[in-house]
Each structure stands twice: as structure tokens, then as C-alpha cells.
């Protein structure tokens, strides 16, 4: 059993409320990190834009692709 397969089965059990809680937790963790390490907030705007683009590439590519998703297999 691969780690990816195990994680996909676990994530498949989550509903939209659980996913919202995960997103809220990630945002709150980012606020906590900024509070503890204020130098992070002094980064230039392009650094945040580049990080946003990097983490958005894979989800956007999967949304725009024609291959069947996990629920359609």
C-alpha cells in the first residue's frame, strides 16, 4: 500500500465541512506564523504572488484536464 493511495482513501471520507475546516486551519496557521515571525510580512508582494502561483499550478491543471477524476473512475 502506497502512502498516496492511503491518503487518497482518507481524504475521500471528508465532506465539504471538513474541507472548509482544513482550509480555515491552514489560514489560521499562516496568521500564527506571521504573528510569531513578523519578518515574513515584510516580503515583497511578488514573493506572495509567486508562492500563490506555485501552489495553484497542480490543482488548476487537474481541474482543467479532461482525464477522469477520483470519483469518476
PDB file of N, CA and C in Angstrom:
ATOM      1  N   UNK A   1       0.841  -1.171   0.000  1.00  0.00           N
ATOM      2  CA  UNK A   1       0.000   0.000   0.000  1.00  0.00           C
ATOM      3  C   UNK A   1       0.893   1.242   0.000  1.00  0.00           C
ATOM      4  N   UNK A   2       0.638   2.126  -0.948  1.00  0.00           N
ATOM      5  CA  UNK A   2       1.448   3.338  -1.036  1.00  0.00           C
ATOM      6  C   UNK A   2       0.853   4.426  -0.136  1.00  0.00           C
ATOM      7  N   UNK A   3       1.691   5.353   0.231  1.00  0.00           N
ATOM      8  CA  UNK A   3       1.248   6.467   1.068  1.00  0.00           C
ATOM      9  C   UNK A   3       0.204   7.304   0.331  1.00  0.00           C
ATOM     10  N   UNK A   4       0.407   7.515  -0.973  1.00  0.00           N
ATOM     11  CA  UNK A   4      -0.540   8.310  -1.757  1.00  0.00           C
ATOM     12  C   UNK A   4      -1.911   7.639  -1.793  1.00  0.00           C
ATOM     13  N   UNK A   5      -1.956   6.348  -2.012  1.00  0.00           N
ATOM     14  CA  UNK A   5      -3.222   5.632  -2.018  1.00  0.00           C
ATOM     15  C   UNK A   5      -3.918   5.695  -0.672  1.00  0.00           C
ATOM     16  N   UNK A   6      -3.157   5.562   0.385  1.00  0.00           N
ATOM     17  CA  UNK A   6      -3.713   5.639   1.730  1.00  0.00           C
ATOM     18  C   UNK A   6      -4.307   7.020   1.992  1.00  0.00           C
ATOM     19  N   UNK A   7      -3.555   8.080   1.611  1.00  0.00           N
ATOM     20  CA  UNK A   7      -4.056   9.449   1.806  1.00  0.00           C
ATOM     21  C   UNK A   7      -5.287   9.714   0.954  1.00  0.00           C
ATOM     22  N   UNK A   8      -5.327   9.239  -0.283  1.00  0.00           N
ATOM     23  CA  UNK A   8      -6.498   9.444  -1.140  1.00  0.00           C
ATOM     24  C   UNK A   8      -7.744   8.790  -0.542  1.00  0.00           C
ATOM     25  N   UNK A   9      -7.591   7.615   0.041  1.00  0.00           N
ATOM     26  CA  UNK A   9      -8.736   6.964   0.683  1.00  0.00           C
ATOM     27  C   UNK A   9      -9.197   7.753   1.908  1.00  0.00           C
ATOM     28  N   UNK A  10      -8.250   8.281   2.663  1.00  0.00           N
ATOM     29  CA  UNK A  10      -8.596   9.074   3.855  1.00  0.00           C
ATOM     30  C   UNK A  10      -9.288  10.378   3.470  1.00  0.00           C
ATOM     31  N   UNK A  11      -8.765  11.077   2.490  1.00  0.00           N
ATOM     32  CA  UNK A  11      -9.349  12.356   2.065  1.00  0.00           C
ATOM     33  C   UNK A  11     -10.728  12.126   1.461  1.00  0.00           C
ATOM     34  N   UNK A  12     -10.939  10.987   0.831  1.00  0.00           N
ATOM     35  CA  UNK A  12     -12.242  10.674   0.253  1.00  0.00           C
ATOM     36  C   UNK A  12     -13.353  10.589   1.283  1.00  0.00           C
ATOM     37  N   UNK A  13     -13.014  10.425   2.550  1.00  0.00           N
ATOM     38  CA  UNK A  13     -14.014  10.350   3.612  1.00  0.00           C
ATOM     39  C   UNK A  13     -14.473  11.728   4.089  1.00  0.00           C
ATOM     40  N   UNK A  14     -13.781  12.780   3.675  1.00  0.00           N
ATOM     41  CA  UNK A  14     -14.110  14.126   4.141  1.00  0.00           C
ATOM     42  C   UNK A  14     -15.254  14.720   3.332  1.00  0.00           C
ATOM     43  N   UNK A  15     -16.103  15.491   3.995  1.00  0.00           N
ATOM     44  CA  UNK A  15     -17.149  16.205   3.273  1.00  0.00           C
ATOM     45  C   UNK A  15     -16.758  17.682   3.161  1.00  0.00           C
ATOM     46  N   UNK A  16     -17.663  18.506   2.648  1.00  0.00           N
ATOM     47  CA  UNK A  16     -17.315  19.904   2.393  1.00  0.00           C
ATOM     48  C   UNK A  16     -17.076  20.681   3.685  1.00  0.00           C
ATOM     49  N   UNK A  17     -17.724  20.308   4.771  1.00  0.00           N
ATOM     50  CA  UNK A  17     -17.489  20.994   6.048  1.00  0.00           C
ATOM     51  C   UNK A  17     -16.079  20.677   6.544  1.00  0.00           C
ATOM     52  N   UNK A  18     -15.672  19.428   6.424  1.00  0.00           N
ATOM     53  CA  UNK A  18     -14.316  19.040   6.837  1.00  0.00           C
ATOM     54  C   UNK A  18     -13.272  19.784   6.012  1.00  0.00           C
ATOM     55  N   UNK A  19     -13.499  19.876   4.702  1.00  0.00           N
ATOM     56  CA  UNK A  19     -12.541  20.581   3.840  1.00  0.00           C
ATOM     57  C   UNK A  19     -12.484  22.069   4.196  1.00  0.00           C
ATOM     58  N   UNK A  20     -13.621  22.653   4.531  1.00  0.00           N
ATOM     59  CA  UNK A  20     -13.639  24.051   4.975  1.00  0.00           C
ATOM     60  C   UNK A  20     -12.852  24.232   6.261  1.00  0.00           C
ATOM     61  N   UNK A  21     -12.972  23.270   7.173  1.00  0.00           N
ATOM     62  CA  UNK A  21     -12.205  23.341   8.426  1.00  0.00           C
ATOM     63  C   UNK A  21     -10.706  23.222   8.164  1.00  0.00           C
ATOM     64  N   UNK A  22     -10.321  22.377   7.212  1.00  0.00           N
ATOM     65  CA  UNK A  22      -8.906  22.245   6.853  1.00  0.00           C
ATOM     66  C   UNK A  22      -8.390  23.573   6.296  1.00  0.00           C
ATOM     67  N   UNK A  23      -9.160  24.204   5.418  1.00  0.00           N
ATOM     68  CA  UNK A  23      -8.740  25.486   4.841  1.00  0.00           C
ATOM     69  C   UNK A  23      -8.638  26.568   5.918  1.00  0.00           C
ATOM     70  N   UNK A  24      -9.627  26.617   6.806  1.00  0.00           N
ATOM     71  CA  UNK A  24      -9.596  27.599   7.889  1.00  0.00           C
ATOM     72  C   UNK A  24      -8.391  27.364   8.796  1.00  0.00           C
ATOM     73  N   UNK A  25      -8.096  26.092   9.070  1.00  0.00           N
ATOM     74  CA  UNK A  25      -6.929  25.777   9.894  1.00  0.00           C
ATOM     75  C   UNK A  25      -5.632  26.218   9.236  1.00  0.00           C
ATOM     76  N   UNK A  26      -5.537  26.055   7.917  1.00  0.00           N
ATOM     77  CA  UNK A  26      -4.334  26.493   7.207  1.00  0.00           C
ATOM     78  C   UNK A  26      -4.194  28.012   7.271  1.00  0.00           C
ATOM     79  N   UNK A  27      -5.305  28.728   7.119  1.00  0.00           N
ATOM     80  CA  UNK A  27      -5.250  30.190   7.201  1.00  0.00           C
ATOM     81  C   UNK A  27      -4.870  30.644   8.611  1.00  0.00           C
ATOM     82  N   UNK A  28      -5.430  29.994   9.621  1.00  0.00           N
ATOM     83  CA  UNK A  28      -5.095  30.357  10.995  1.00  0.00           C
ATOM     84  C   UNK A  28      -3.642  30.039  11.324  1.00  0.00           C
ATOM     85  N   UNK A  29      -3.128  28.949  10.789  1.00  0.00           N
ATOM     86  CA  UNK A  29      -1.717  28.628  10.982  1.00  0.00           C
ATOM     87  C   UNK A  29      -0.838  29.693  10.341  1.00  0.00           C
ATOM     88  N   UNK A  30      -1.222  30.181   9.159  1.00  0.00           N
ATOM     89  CA  UNK A  30      -0.452  31.244   8.498  1.00  0.00           C
ATOM     90  C   UNK A  30      -0.458  32.519   9.338  1.00  0.00           C
ATOM     91  N   UNK A  31      -1.604  32.858   9.930  1.00  0.00           N
ATOM     92  CA  UNK A  31      -1.662  34.035  10.805  1.00  0.00           C
ATOM     93  C   UNK A  31      -0.790  33.851  12.041  1.00  0.00           C
ATOM     94  N   UNK A  32      -0.799  32.648  12.599  1.00  0.00           N
ATOM     95  CA  UNK A  32       0.042  32.359  13.759  1.00  0.00           C
ATOM     96  C   UNK A  32       1.520  32.490  13.395  1.00  0.00           C
ATOM     97  N   UNK A  33       1.901  31.944  12.239  1.00  0.00           N
ATOM     98  CA  UNK A  33       3.297  32.040  11.804  1.00  0.00           C
ATOM     99  C   UNK A  33       3.697  33.498  11.595  1.00  0.00           C
ATOM    100  N   UNK A  34       2.790  34.310  11.030  1.00  0.00           N
ATOM    101  CA  UNK A  34       3.094  35.729  10.821  1.00  0.00           C
ATOM    102  C   UNK A  34       3.202  36.467  12.150  1.00  0.00           C
ATOM    103  N   UNK A  35       2.412  36.066  13.123  1.00  0.00           N
ATOM    104  CA  UNK A  35       2.478  36.702  14.440  1.00  0.00           C
ATOM    105  C   UNK A  35       3.788  36.358  15.145  1.00  0.00           C
ATOM    106  N   UNK A  36       4.226  35.101  15.031  1.00  0.00           N
ATOM    107  CA  UNK A  36       5.454  34.668  15.684  1.00  0.00           C
ATOM    108  C   UNK A  36       6.682  35.191  14.943  1.00  0.00           C
ATOM    109  N   UNK A  37       6.623  35.248  13.615  1.00  0.00           N
ATOM    110  CA  UNK A  37       7.761  35.635  12.787  1.00  0.00           C
ATOM    111  C   UNK A  37       7.369  36.803  11.894  1.00  0.00           C
ATOM    112  N   UNK A  38       7.333  38.034  12.415  1.00  0.00           N
ATOM    113  CA  UNK A  38       6.816  39.189  11.678  1.00  0.00           C
ATOM    114  C   UNK A  38       7.628  39.555  10.430  1.00  0.00           C
ATOM    115  N   UNK A  39       8.864  39.098  10.323  1.00  0.00           N
ATOM    116  CA  UNK A  39       9.669  39.408   9.144  1.00  0.00           C
ATOM    117  C   UNK A  39       9.048  38.838   7.873  1.00  0.00           C
ATOM    118  N   UNK A  40       8.241  37.796   8.026  1.00  0.00           N
ATOM    119  CA  UNK A  40       7.582  37.193   6.869  1.00  0.00           C
ATOM    120  C   UNK A  40       6.673  38.215   6.180  1.00  0.00           C
ATOM    121  N   UNK A  41       6.064  39.091   6.951  1.00  0.00           N
ATOM    122  CA  UNK A  41       5.160  40.092   6.385  1.00  0.00           C
ATOM    123  C   UNK A  41       5.895  41.189   5.637  1.00  0.00           C
ATOM    124  N   UNK A  42       7.201  41.278   5.799  1.00  0.00           N
ATOM    125  CA  UNK A  42       7.958  42.322   5.116  1.00  0.00           C
ATOM    126  C   UNK A  42       8.441  41.883   3.733  1.00  0.00           C
ATOM    127  N   UNK A  43       8.075  40.679   3.318  1.00  0.00           N
ATOM    128  CA  UNK A  43       8.454  40.223   1.977  1.00  0.00           C
ATOM    129  C   UNK A  43       7.752  41.056   0.920  1.00  0.00           C
ATOM    130  N   UNK A  44       8.367  41.216  -0.249  1.00  0.00           N
ATOM    131  CA  UNK A  44       7.706  41.978  -1.314  1.00  0.00           C
ATOM    132  C   UNK A  44       6.483  41.244  -1.861  1.00  0.00           C
ATOM    133  N   UNK A  45       5.579  41.990  -2.469  1.00  0.00           N
ATOM    134  CA  UNK A  45       4.326  41.437  -2.974  1.00  0.00           C
ATOM    135  C   UNK A  45       4.562  40.325  -3.991  1.00  0.00           C
ATOM    136  N   UNK A  46       5.601  40.446  -4.821  1.00  0.00           N
ATOM    137  CA  UNK A  46       5.841  39.432  -5.844  1.00  0.00           C
ATOM    138  C   UNK A  46       6.161  38.072  -5.227  1.00  0.00           C
ATOM    139  N   UNK A  47       6.737  38.060  -4.025  1.00  0.00           N
ATOM    140  CA  UNK A  47       7.054  36.789  -3.372  1.00  0.00           C
ATOM    141  C   UNK A  47       5.770  36.047  -3.001  1.00  0.00           C
ATOM    142  N   UNK A  48       4.785  36.784  -2.521  1.00  0.00           N
ATOM    143  CA  UNK A  48       3.490  36.155  -2.214  1.00  0.00           C
ATOM    144  C   UNK A  48       2.791  35.704  -3.488  1.00  0.00           C
ATOM    145  N   UNK A  49       2.869  36.518  -4.543  1.00  0.00           N
ATOM    146  CA  UNK A  49       2.249  36.148  -5.817  1.00  0.00           C
ATOM    147  C   UNK A  49       2.911  34.896  -6.403  1.00  0.00           C
ATOM    148  N   UNK A  50       4.233  34.804  -6.306  1.00  0.00           N
ATOM    149  CA  UNK A  50       4.945  33.629  -6.811  1.00  0.00           C
ATOM    150  C   UNK A  50       4.575  32.377  -6.009  1.00  0.00           C
ATOM    151  N   UNK A  51       4.482  32.502  -4.697  1.00  0.00           N
ATOM    152  CA  UNK A  51       4.099  31.358  -3.859  1.00  0.00           C
ATOM    153  C   UNK A  51       2.670  30.925  -4.179  1.00  0.00           C
ATOM    154  N   UNK A  52       1.781  31.891  -4.387  1.00  0.00           N
ATOM    155  CA  UNK A  52       0.397  31.573  -4.752  1.00  0.00           C
ATOM    156  C   UNK A  52       0.340  30.833  -6.086  1.00  0.00           C
ATOM    157  N   UNK A  53       1.114  31.303  -7.054  1.00  0.00           N
ATOM    158  CA  UNK A  53       1.135  30.647  -8.367  1.00  0.00           C
ATOM    159  C   UNK A  53       1.675  29.221  -8.254  1.00  0.00           C
ATOM    160  N   UNK A  54       2.719  29.035  -7.464  1.00  0.00           N
ATOM    161  CA  UNK A  54       3.309  27.700  -7.317  1.00  0.00           C
ATOM    162  C   UNK A  54       2.337  26.697  -6.707  1.00  0.00           C
ATOM    163  N   UNK A  55       1.597  27.114  -5.685  1.00  0.00           N
ATOM    164  CA  UNK A  55       0.685  26.168  -5.045  1.00  0.00           C
ATOM    165  C   UNK A  55      -0.620  26.007  -5.824  1.00  0.00           C
ATOM    166  N   UNK A  56      -0.867  26.852  -6.812  1.00  0.00           N
ATOM    167  CA  UNK A  56      -2.100  26.768  -7.602  1.00  0.00           C
ATOM    168  C   UNK A  56      -1.939  25.972  -8.888  1.00  0.00           C
ATOM    169  N   UNK A  57      -0.719  25.705  -9.318  1.00  0.00           N
ATOM    170  CA  UNK A  57      -0.494  25.058 -10.611  1.00  0.00           C
ATOM    171  C   UNK A  57      -1.147  23.680 -10.680  1.00  0.00           C
ATOM    172  N   UNK A  58      -0.856  22.813  -9.743  1.00  0.00           N
ATOM    173  CA  UNK A  58      -1.369  21.433  -9.821  1.00  0.00           C
ATOM    174  C   UNK A  58      -2.894  21.368  -9.717  1.00  0.00           C
ATOM    175  N   UNK A  59      -3.525  22.050  -8.742  1.00  0.00           N
ATOM    176  CA  UNK A  59      -4.990  21.979  -8.697  1.00  0.00           C
ATOM    177  C   UNK A  59      -5.656  22.522  -9.962  1.00  0.00           C
ATOM    178  N   UNK A  60      -5.139  23.620 -10.493  1.00  0.00           N
ATOM    179  CA  UNK A  60      -5.722  24.178 -11.717  1.00  0.00           C
ATOM    180  C   UNK A  60      -5.523  23.245 -12.904  1.00  0.00           C
ATOM    181  N   UNK A  61      -4.370  22.628 -12.992  1.00  0.00           N
ATOM    182  CA  UNK A  61      -4.119  21.681 -14.083  1.00  0.00           C
ATOM    183  C   UNK A  61      -5.066  20.489 -13.985  1.00  0.00           C
ATOM    184  N   UNK A  62      -5.323  20.011 -12.778  1.00  0.00           N
ATOM    185  CA  UNK A  62      -6.230  18.868 -12.605  1.00  0.00           C
ATOM    186  C   UNK A  62      -7.674  19.254 -12.908  1.00  0.00           C
ATOM    187  N   UNK A  63      -8.064  20.473 -12.564  1.00  0.00           N
ATOM    188  CA  UNK A  63      -9.422  20.936 -12.855  1.00  0.00           C
ATOM    189  C   UNK A  63      -9.633  21.079 -14.353  1.00  0.00           C
ATOM    190  N   UNK A  64      -8.639  21.602 -15.056  1.00  0.00           N
ATOM    191  CA  UNK A  64      -8.768  21.879 -16.491  1.00  0.00           C
ATOM    192  C   UNK A  64      -8.506  20.660 -17.374  1.00  0.00           C
ATOM    193  N   UNK A  65      -7.998  19.577 -16.814  1.00  0.00           N
ATOM    194  CA  UNK A  65      -7.686  18.408 -17.635  1.00  0.00           C
ATOM    195  C   UNK A  65      -8.957  17.631 -17.956  1.00  0.00           C
ATOM    196  N   UNK A  66      -8.897  16.825 -19.007  1.00  0.00           N
ATOM    197  CA  UNK A  66     -10.030  16.010 -19.422  1.00  0.00           C
ATOM    198  C   UNK A  66      -9.978  14.601 -18.846  1.00  0.00           C
ATOM    199  N   UNK A  67      -8.948  14.293 -18.079  1.00  0.00           N
ATOM    200  CA  UNK A  67      -8.839  12.944 -17.516  1.00  0.00           C
ATOM    201  C   UNK A  67      -9.851  12.782 -16.386  1.00  0.00           C
ATOM    202  N   UNK A  68     -10.347  11.558 -16.199  1.00  0.00           N
ATOM    203  CA  UNK A  68     -11.353  11.339 -15.153  1.00  0.00           C
ATOM    204  C   UNK A  68     -10.762  11.548 -13.763  1.00  0.00           C
ATOM    205  N   UNK A  69     -11.560  12.076 -12.895  1.00  0.00           N
ATOM    206  CA  UNK A  69     -11.121  12.305 -11.527  1.00  0.00           C
ATOM    207  C   UNK A  69     -11.279  11.068 -10.694  1.00  0.00           C
ATOM    208  N   UNK A  70     -10.978  11.192  -9.423  1.00  0.00           N
ATOM    209  CA  UNK A  70     -11.027  10.075  -8.488  1.00  0.00           C
ATOM    210  C   UNK A  70     -12.447   9.519  -8.387  1.00  0.00           C
ATOM    211  N   UNK A  71     -13.475  10.381  -8.350  1.00  0.00           N
ATOM    212  CA  UNK A  71     -14.833   9.909  -8.176  1.00  0.00           C
ATOM    213  C   UNK A  71     -15.436   9.324  -9.431  1.00  0.00           C
ATOM    214  N   UNK A  72     -14.831   9.576 -10.618  1.00  0.00           N
ATOM    215  CA  UNK A  72     -15.368   9.087 -11.866  1.00  0.00           C
ATOM    216  C   UNK A  72     -14.767   7.747 -12.297  1.00  0.00           C
ATOM    217  N   UNK A  73     -13.722   7.280 -11.631  1.00  0.00           N
ATOM    218  CA  UNK A  73     -13.057   6.041 -12.013  1.00  0.00           C
ATOM    219  C   UNK A  73     -13.888   4.847 -11.646  1.00  0.00           C
TER     220      UNK A  73
END
